[in-house]
Every structure is written in structure tokens, then in C-alpha cells.
Amino acid sequence: MNSSNTRPKILVARRIFPEGIERLEAICDIDYVDQIEPLTKVELAQRLIGKDGALVTGSERIDADTIKDAKALKIISNIAVGFNNFDVEALNQRGIIGTNTPDVLTDTTADMGFALLMAISRRLSEAERWLRDGQWHHWEMGRMLGVDIHHSTLGIMGMGRIGQAIAKRGLAFGMNVIYYNRKPLSKDLEQACQATYVDKETLLKNADHVMLVMPYSADSHHFIGAKELAMMKSTATLVNIARGGIVDDNALVEALQRNQIFGAGLDVYEGEPKLHPGLLDLPNVVLAPHIGSATEKTRYSMMNLAIDNLLAGLAGQKPKTMINPEIWGK
């Protein structure tokens, strides 16, 4: 497994399924943080000292300070498709492999995007609260009127694997699909998704439903703010299943308070698990606690891919889903 005959030492920074620990225990000596709360940055840095590898989640921040004393560290495997919690340049400078878990959560996350889209468009959370409060006494023509999904225009911001999966779901609803991306898809992929590339402003002004599926970076911070929300139709919805910080939550709360847009469906937030307190008081927003990939099958697949990556890196083999392949072989 490594250059000596000793078992590699690894950190598992958060509670995972028992089957994952069993896989790792057969090969590695594990420092297992069997808790749901993330370690502090100082605790994480301390636990990484003397470790050959680590299994982390998207909540653990990996930067130069975190790894500076972890001299033996070869690989850090992230149980997440996003890796904005990794300072990739800091990893590269140390020659440490970073990995993530794409593909295995594509369809599940796309399903969640559509669940939020349908819930906010048809006011399901608001209607359920109203019903549970005992306010339903009779049918009324103008009660709980929503906006249509079928044969509307779906605007997708970010057209990677998940964005493409959402586009195909939109086609089943007869939606007109437009998208904005850093660069247009190939003609074959555009045809498969029956999607039309437009610029950001065109998408915001024309979409009935805006879905955010783009990666978070310094460039995409507050990609949707007051200016962008003002461009949207008053009947439009906004769904964010990407990352907190892509939306300026202060601006979104103000827009929802003024009914500037019809509503929003959110699975991610700035500074999560904390969220803007104004969101809790609004009827026109559906809130979920970052559960886009949360099905049993998908979470097991994510864990097992992360373990596959970790064990491959420890064995001197190239992991399947490296985020910094440029360092391989150096």
C-alpha cells in the first residue's frame, strides 16, 4: 500500500456509514472522528499530523494552514462533487492529491432541483402550512394560485452534468430550455438537451424558472444579486442547488419581501448551516437543508467512490476523479 510495509494512517474526519469504516479498517489504521459535527480548523490540522491520507466532507476547509504540519500527507478525498472547500493551489504546492465524487450524484441532485422547482411553483410548502393550521374550510377559485412549469421557459445557469440532467427533465414537461455557461456546449450536447445558449442577461429576462447549478468560485460569488433579481420576471422562480454564496441572500430576501419575483427554492445558503433569518419568515420560499444528494443509494455511492480514490492514491495509483491531475507524475 505504501513504500514501507506498514499500514497507511488515515483520518476520517466525519461520521460515515459503517460499511465504509469496515472497508478502510481492512487496509488502514484509522483515526475516526465518529461525530456529525465538523472539527474546528485547529482540530483538523492537529488530526492530520502524521496521516498519509484523509477522507473529508465539503464542510472541512483544506488550505495551506490546515496541511502545513501534515508532512506525510499524500491524498485528501472529498465526499462531495464540489471542492470549493479545497485550496487547490495549496495542495499542488505540496504535491498532495485532491479528489471529489462527481457523476454518482448527478441524477439525484437533478431530481432535487426539480422537486424544489415544483414545490415553489405550486406553493406546496405554503399550502401545507396553511392546511395544517386548520385554515382550509372550502374550495376557492383564487386560492393558492401558482405558476405553470409545463411549456414554460427553463433557464439553467451552469450546464455541466447536473445542468444537462435538469435540461432533459425539463423536456419531459414540454419546457423551452435556455442556458448560460462559461462556454457553450458542443452542438451534439446542445441537441441532446434541446437547449439554446444565451447570455446571462437574456436568460434572466426571459426565463420563467431560473435554476442555478454552477460551481462556486471567486468569480461566481454573488453571481445573482439585486441587479440580476431585478431583471427577472415578477412571475419567475429561482432555484439554487449549487452552492451558497452564488446568490446574495440579503438581496434575495429583499426581493422576496417585495414580491419582486414569485418565489425561490433553496438547498444551499451563505454561511450554512446558518442562514439569513429573513428567509424563515417568508411564505414564498421553500427551504431544504443541503440534501441535494441525500438518497441512501447516492450517499453510499459517494462514500465508496471517495474511498476508492483514497485507497488508489495511497497505493500510488491515479485516483479515478482527481481534481488536480496536473500534479500527477511530478
Protein backbone atom coordinates (compact mmCIF):
# COMPACT_ATOMS: atom_id res chain seq x y z
CA MET A 1 0.00 0.00 0.00
CA ASN A 2 2.91 2.38 0.58
CA SER A 3 6.67 2.38 0.37
CA SER A 4 7.08 0.61 3.69
CA ASN A 5 5.32 -2.49 4.89
CA THR A 6 3.34 -0.57 7.49
CA ARG A 7 -0.33 0.16 7.13
CA PRO A 8 -1.13 3.69 5.98
CA LYS A 9 -2.51 6.04 8.61
CA ILE A 10 -5.62 7.95 7.64
CA LEU A 11 -8.06 10.43 9.12
CA VAL A 12 -11.80 10.00 8.59
CA ALA A 13 -12.94 13.48 9.57
CA ARG A 14 -16.70 12.85 9.94
CA ARG A 15 -19.11 10.01 10.64
CA ILE A 16 -19.69 7.81 7.60
CA PHE A 17 -21.61 4.56 7.05
CA PRO A 18 -20.21 1.56 8.99
CA GLU A 19 -19.53 -0.33 5.77
CA GLY A 20 -17.06 2.37 4.77
CA ILE A 21 -15.16 2.05 8.03
CA GLU A 22 -15.03 -1.72 7.57
CA ARG A 23 -13.50 -1.28 4.10
CA LEU A 24 -10.88 1.09 5.40
CA GLU A 25 -10.06 -0.87 8.55
CA ALA A 26 -9.05 -3.86 6.43
CA ILE A 27 -6.19 -1.83 4.95
CA CYS A 28 -5.53 1.28 7.05
CA ASP A 29 -5.01 2.45 10.60
CA ILE A 30 -7.87 4.90 11.12
CA ASP A 31 -8.23 7.98 13.26
CA TYR A 32 -12.03 8.09 13.12
CA VAL A 33 -13.96 11.21 14.12
CA ASP A 34 -17.25 9.44 14.84
CA GLN A 35 -19.44 12.54 15.09
CA ILE A 36 -21.73 14.61 12.91
CA GLU A 37 -20.22 17.95 13.95
CA PRO A 38 -17.24 19.12 11.89
CA LEU A 39 -13.87 19.55 13.55
CA THR A 40 -12.63 23.07 14.08
CA LYS A 41 -9.85 24.17 11.76
CA VAL A 42 -7.29 23.80 14.56
CA GLU A 43 -8.56 20.33 15.47
CA LEU A 44 -8.49 19.25 11.84
CA ALA A 45 -4.90 20.45 11.40
CA GLN A 46 -3.84 18.57 14.53
CA ARG A 47 -5.53 15.34 13.46
CA LEU A 48 -3.88 15.47 10.02
CA ILE A 49 -0.36 15.38 11.52
CA GLY A 50 1.25 12.03 10.80
CA LYS A 51 -1.50 10.93 8.42
CA ASP A 52 -0.87 9.54 4.93
CA GLY A 53 -4.39 10.33 3.76
CA ALA A 54 -7.72 11.78 4.79
CA LEU A 55 -11.39 11.34 3.99
CA VAL A 56 -13.32 14.60 4.44
CA THR A 57 -16.64 16.17 3.52
CA GLY A 58 -17.48 19.51 1.97
CA SER A 59 -17.60 21.07 5.43
CA GLU A 60 -13.87 20.67 6.15
CA ARG A 61 -11.75 23.57 4.90
CA ILE A 62 -8.45 22.34 3.48
CA ASP A 63 -5.92 25.14 2.97
CA ALA A 64 -2.23 25.88 3.48
CA ASP A 65 -2.61 26.35 7.24
CA THR A 66 -4.59 23.13 7.66
CA ILE A 67 -1.93 20.97 5.96
CA LYS A 68 1.29 22.80 6.85
CA ASP A 69 2.30 20.33 9.60
CA ALA A 70 0.93 17.22 7.85
CA LYS A 71 4.28 16.27 6.31
CA ALA A 72 3.27 12.70 5.39
CA LEU A 73 0.02 13.63 3.66
CA LYS A 74 -0.37 12.21 0.15
CA ILE A 75 -4.07 12.48 -0.62
CA ILE A 76 -7.27 14.10 0.63
CA SER A 77 -10.50 12.60 -0.65
CA ASN A 78 -13.63 14.76 -0.58
CA ILE A 79 -17.07 13.17 -0.21
CA ALA A 80 -18.68 15.83 -2.41
CA VAL A 81 -18.76 16.82 -6.05
CA GLY A 82 -17.88 20.43 -5.24
CA PHE A 83 -14.43 21.18 -3.88
CA ASN A 84 -14.57 24.88 -3.03
CA ASN A 85 -13.53 23.76 0.47
CA PHE A 86 -10.12 22.86 -1.02
CA ASP A 87 -7.36 25.37 -1.71
CA VAL A 88 -6.17 23.50 -4.77
CA GLU A 89 -3.07 25.65 -5.18
CA ALA A 90 -2.02 24.83 -1.61
CA LEU A 91 -2.43 21.13 -2.39
CA ASN A 92 -0.44 21.49 -5.61
CA GLN A 93 2.45 23.22 -3.89
CA ARG A 94 2.74 20.27 -1.55
CA GLY A 95 2.12 17.64 -4.23
CA ILE A 96 -0.97 16.38 -2.39
CA ILE A 97 -3.69 14.70 -4.44
CA GLY A 98 -7.24 16.03 -4.09
CA THR A 99 -10.29 14.10 -5.26
CA ASN A 100 -14.06 14.53 -5.40
CA THR A 101 -17.16 12.46 -6.19
CA PRO A 102 -18.79 13.61 -9.45
CA ASP A 103 -21.22 11.62 -11.63
CA VAL A 104 -22.64 9.39 -8.89
CA LEU A 105 -24.97 12.14 -7.64
CA THR A 106 -25.96 13.72 -10.96
CA ASP A 107 -29.48 12.33 -11.32
CA THR A 108 -30.33 12.51 -7.63
CA THR A 109 -29.34 16.17 -7.44
CA ALA A 110 -31.22 16.95 -10.66
CA ASP A 111 -34.31 15.33 -9.11
CA MET A 112 -33.91 17.60 -6.08
CA GLY A 113 -33.71 20.65 -8.31
CA PHE A 114 -36.98 19.70 -9.93
CA ALA A 115 -38.56 18.93 -6.56
CA LEU A 116 -37.75 22.47 -5.39
CA LEU A 117 -38.93 23.92 -8.69
CA MET A 118 -42.27 22.14 -8.45
CA ALA A 119 -42.71 22.92 -4.76
CA ILE A 120 -42.19 26.66 -5.10
CA SER A 121 -44.08 26.96 -8.38
CA ARG A 122 -47.16 25.29 -6.89
CA ARG A 123 -46.71 26.80 -3.39
CA LEU A 124 -46.67 23.37 -1.75
CA SER A 125 -44.89 24.34 1.46
CA GLU A 126 -47.10 27.39 1.92
CA ALA A 127 -50.24 25.36 1.18
CA GLU A 128 -49.29 22.59 3.59
CA ARG A 129 -48.64 25.05 6.43
CA TRP A 130 -51.98 26.72 5.72
CA LEU A 131 -53.78 23.37 5.75
CA ARG A 132 -52.08 22.19 8.96
CA ASP A 133 -53.08 25.46 10.64
CA GLY A 134 -56.71 24.46 10.09
CA GLN A 135 -57.46 27.23 7.61
CA TRP A 136 -58.91 25.04 4.83
CA HIS A 137 -62.70 25.33 5.06
CA HIS A 138 -63.82 25.43 1.42
CA TRP A 139 -62.61 25.47 -2.18
CA GLU A 140 -61.95 28.91 -3.65
CA MET A 141 -61.26 29.94 -7.24
CA GLY A 142 -58.32 32.19 -6.39
CA ARG A 143 -56.78 30.11 -3.59
CA MET A 144 -53.03 29.27 -3.66
CA LEU A 145 -52.54 30.11 -7.32
CA GLY A 146 -49.14 29.06 -8.58
CA VAL A 147 -47.26 29.35 -11.85
CA ASP A 148 -47.02 26.70 -14.54
CA ILE A 149 -43.95 24.60 -15.15
CA HIS A 150 -45.15 22.84 -18.28
CA HIS A 151 -44.49 24.70 -21.54
CA SER A 152 -42.65 27.47 -19.71
CA THR A 153 -39.06 28.59 -20.22
CA LEU A 154 -36.41 26.99 -18.03
CA GLY A 155 -33.14 28.92 -17.69
CA ILE A 156 -30.19 26.89 -16.42
CA MET A 157 -27.09 28.64 -15.10
CA GLY A 158 -24.26 26.12 -15.34
CA MET A 159 -24.52 23.34 -17.91
CA GLY A 160 -22.34 20.58 -16.54
CA ARG A 161 -23.58 17.06 -15.86
CA ILE A 162 -26.30 18.13 -13.43
CA GLY A 163 -27.41 21.03 -15.60
CA GLN A 164 -27.75 18.71 -18.58
CA ALA A 165 -29.76 16.23 -16.48
CA ILE A 166 -32.09 19.05 -15.43
CA ALA A 167 -32.50 20.15 -19.05
CA LYS A 168 -33.63 16.65 -20.03
CA ARG A 169 -36.16 16.63 -17.20
CA GLY A 170 -37.43 19.96 -18.45
CA LEU A 171 -38.05 18.48 -21.88
CA ALA A 172 -40.40 15.93 -20.35
CA PHE A 173 -42.51 18.88 -19.13
CA GLY A 174 -42.50 20.47 -22.57
CA MET A 175 -40.27 23.29 -21.37
CA ASN A 176 -38.24 25.56 -23.60
CA VAL A 177 -34.68 25.22 -22.28
CA ILE A 178 -32.15 28.03 -22.42
CA TYR A 179 -28.81 28.05 -20.64
CA TYR A 180 -25.81 30.15 -19.72
CA ASN A 181 -22.38 28.62 -19.20
CA ARG A 182 -18.76 29.72 -19.25
CA LYS A 183 -18.72 28.38 -22.79
CA PRO A 184 -21.39 26.82 -25.00
CA LEU A 185 -21.84 23.06 -25.09
CA SER A 186 -20.86 21.12 -28.18
CA LYS A 187 -23.55 21.00 -30.84
CA ASP A 188 -24.16 17.32 -30.08
CA LEU A 189 -24.78 18.01 -26.38
CA GLU A 190 -26.96 21.01 -27.18
CA GLN A 191 -29.02 18.80 -29.47
CA ALA A 192 -29.29 16.06 -26.84
CA CYS A 193 -30.54 18.60 -24.30
CA GLN A 194 -32.51 20.62 -26.90
CA ALA A 195 -31.07 23.67 -25.16
CA THR A 196 -30.19 27.09 -26.55
CA TYR A 197 -27.17 29.06 -25.34
CA VAL A 198 -27.88 32.68 -24.33
CA ASP A 199 -26.03 35.34 -22.36
CA LYS A 200 -26.70 35.92 -18.68
CA GLU A 201 -28.95 38.95 -19.11
CA THR A 202 -31.07 37.28 -21.80
CA LEU A 203 -31.60 34.25 -19.61
CA LEU A 204 -32.65 36.28 -16.58
CA LYS A 205 -35.08 38.41 -18.56
CA ASN A 206 -36.71 35.53 -20.45
CA ALA A 207 -36.74 32.54 -18.11
CA ASP A 208 -39.88 31.65 -16.17
CA HIS A 209 -37.75 29.49 -13.90
CA VAL A 210 -34.04 30.06 -13.20
CA MET A 211 -32.04 27.08 -11.93
CA LEU A 212 -28.52 27.55 -10.53
CA VAL A 213 -26.20 24.56 -10.99
CA MET A 214 -22.84 26.27 -11.36
CA PRO A 215 -19.69 25.69 -9.29
CA TYR A 216 -18.77 28.23 -6.63
CA SER A 217 -15.63 30.29 -7.09
CA ALA A 218 -14.45 33.84 -6.51
CA ASP A 219 -15.81 34.67 -9.98
CA SER A 220 -19.29 33.29 -9.19
CA HIS A 221 -19.61 34.91 -5.75
CA HIS A 222 -22.94 36.80 -5.66
CA PHE A 223 -23.49 35.91 -9.31
CA ILE A 224 -27.14 36.57 -8.54
CA GLY A 225 -27.61 39.82 -6.65
CA ALA A 226 -30.01 42.76 -6.58
CA LYS A 227 -29.22 43.74 -10.16
CA GLU A 228 -29.87 40.26 -11.51
CA LEU A 229 -33.04 39.71 -9.46
CA ALA A 230 -34.40 42.99 -10.84
CA MET A 231 -34.01 41.61 -14.37
CA MET A 232 -36.22 38.59 -13.67
CA LYS A 233 -39.94 38.42 -14.35
CA SER A 234 -42.25 39.09 -11.41
CA THR A 235 -43.74 35.65 -12.08
CA ALA A 236 -40.36 33.87 -12.18
CA THR A 237 -38.87 31.46 -9.67
CA LEU A 238 -35.26 30.99 -8.63
CA VAL A 239 -33.86 27.62 -7.53
CA ASN A 240 -30.36 27.21 -6.07
CA ILE A 241 -28.96 23.68 -5.74
CA ALA A 242 -25.39 24.80 -6.46
CA ARG A 243 -23.55 26.45 -3.56
CA GLY A 244 -24.25 29.15 -1.04
CA GLY A 245 -22.59 32.42 -1.97
CA ILE A 246 -23.62 32.24 -5.61
CA VAL A 247 -26.75 34.11 -4.51
CA ASP A 248 -26.58 37.26 -2.42
CA ASP A 249 -29.01 36.10 0.28
CA ASN A 250 -29.57 39.65 1.55
CA ALA A 251 -30.67 40.76 -1.90
CA LEU A 252 -32.83 37.66 -2.32
CA VAL A 253 -34.65 38.23 0.96
CA GLU A 254 -35.38 41.83 -0.04
CA ALA A 255 -36.65 40.73 -3.46
CA LEU A 256 -38.92 38.08 -1.93
CA GLN A 257 -40.24 40.51 0.69
CA ARG A 258 -41.24 42.90 -2.11
CA ASN A 259 -42.64 40.05 -4.25
CA GLN A 260 -40.20 41.15 -6.92
CA ILE A 261 -40.08 37.52 -8.08
CA PHE A 262 -42.68 34.81 -7.49
CA GLY A 263 -40.56 32.70 -5.17
CA ALA A 264 -37.38 30.75 -4.53
CA GLY A 265 -36.40 27.16 -3.74
CA LEU A 266 -33.13 26.84 -1.84
CA ASP A 267 -30.98 23.90 -0.79
CA VAL A 268 -27.81 25.92 -0.12
CA TYR A 269 -27.05 29.15 1.72
CA GLU A 270 -24.33 31.65 2.50
CA GLY A 271 -22.57 30.60 5.71
CA GLU A 272 -24.60 27.41 6.07
CA PRO A 273 -25.75 25.80 8.30
CA LYS A 274 -26.57 29.33 9.42
CA LEU A 275 -28.95 31.12 7.11
CA HIS A 276 -30.40 34.56 6.70
CA PRO A 277 -33.11 34.86 9.39
CA GLY A 278 -35.34 36.72 6.97
CA LEU A 279 -35.80 33.56 4.93
CA LEU A 280 -37.59 31.83 7.80
CA ASP A 281 -40.42 34.38 7.84
CA LEU A 282 -41.16 34.34 4.12
CA PRO A 283 -44.06 32.30 2.68
CA ASN A 284 -42.70 32.45 -0.88
CA VAL A 285 -39.54 30.37 -0.34
CA VAL A 286 -39.04 26.62 0.04
CA LEU A 287 -36.07 25.75 2.26
CA ALA A 288 -34.12 22.48 2.39
CA PRO A 289 -31.01 21.69 4.50
CA HIS A 290 -28.50 20.91 1.71
CA ILE A 291 -29.96 17.49 0.89
CA GLY A 292 -29.50 17.53 -2.89
CA SER A 293 -27.66 14.19 -2.91
CA ALA A 294 -29.49 12.70 0.07
CA THR A 295 -30.75 9.33 -1.01
CA GLU A 296 -29.36 6.17 0.52
CA LYS A 297 -28.11 4.77 -2.79
CA THR A 298 -26.39 8.01 -3.80
CA ARG A 299 -24.74 8.71 -0.45
CA TYR A 300 -23.33 5.15 -0.38
CA SER A 301 -22.04 5.65 -3.93
CA MET A 302 -20.38 8.92 -2.94
CA MET A 303 -18.73 7.33 0.08
CA ASN A 304 -17.47 4.34 -1.88
CA LEU A 305 -16.07 6.47 -4.70
CA ALA A 306 -14.27 8.65 -2.14
CA ILE A 307 -12.82 5.52 -0.51
CA ASP A 308 -11.80 4.12 -3.92
CA ASN A 309 -9.99 7.37 -4.63
CA LEU A 310 -8.28 7.40 -1.24
CA LEU A 311 -7.05 3.82 -1.44
CA ALA A 312 -5.84 4.29 -5.02
CA GLY A 313 -3.81 7.36 -4.05
CA LEU A 314 -2.30 5.61 -1.04
CA ALA A 315 -1.31 2.71 -3.30
CA GLY A 316 0.49 5.01 -5.72
CA GLN A 317 -2.23 4.72 -8.35
CA LYS A 318 -4.02 7.59 -10.03
CA PRO A 319 -7.45 8.09 -8.43
CA LYS A 320 -10.46 7.95 -10.71
CA THR A 321 -11.63 11.51 -10.06
CA MET A 322 -8.65 13.74 -9.28
CA ILE A 323 -9.34 17.46 -9.06
CA ASN A 324 -5.67 18.34 -9.64
CA PRO A 325 -4.43 15.88 -12.29
CA GLU A 326 -1.75 18.39 -13.30
CA ILE A 327 0.41 17.21 -10.39
CA TRP A 328 0.23 13.51 -11.30
CA GLY A 329 3.65 12.11 -12.01
CA LYS A 330 5.54 15.16 -10.77
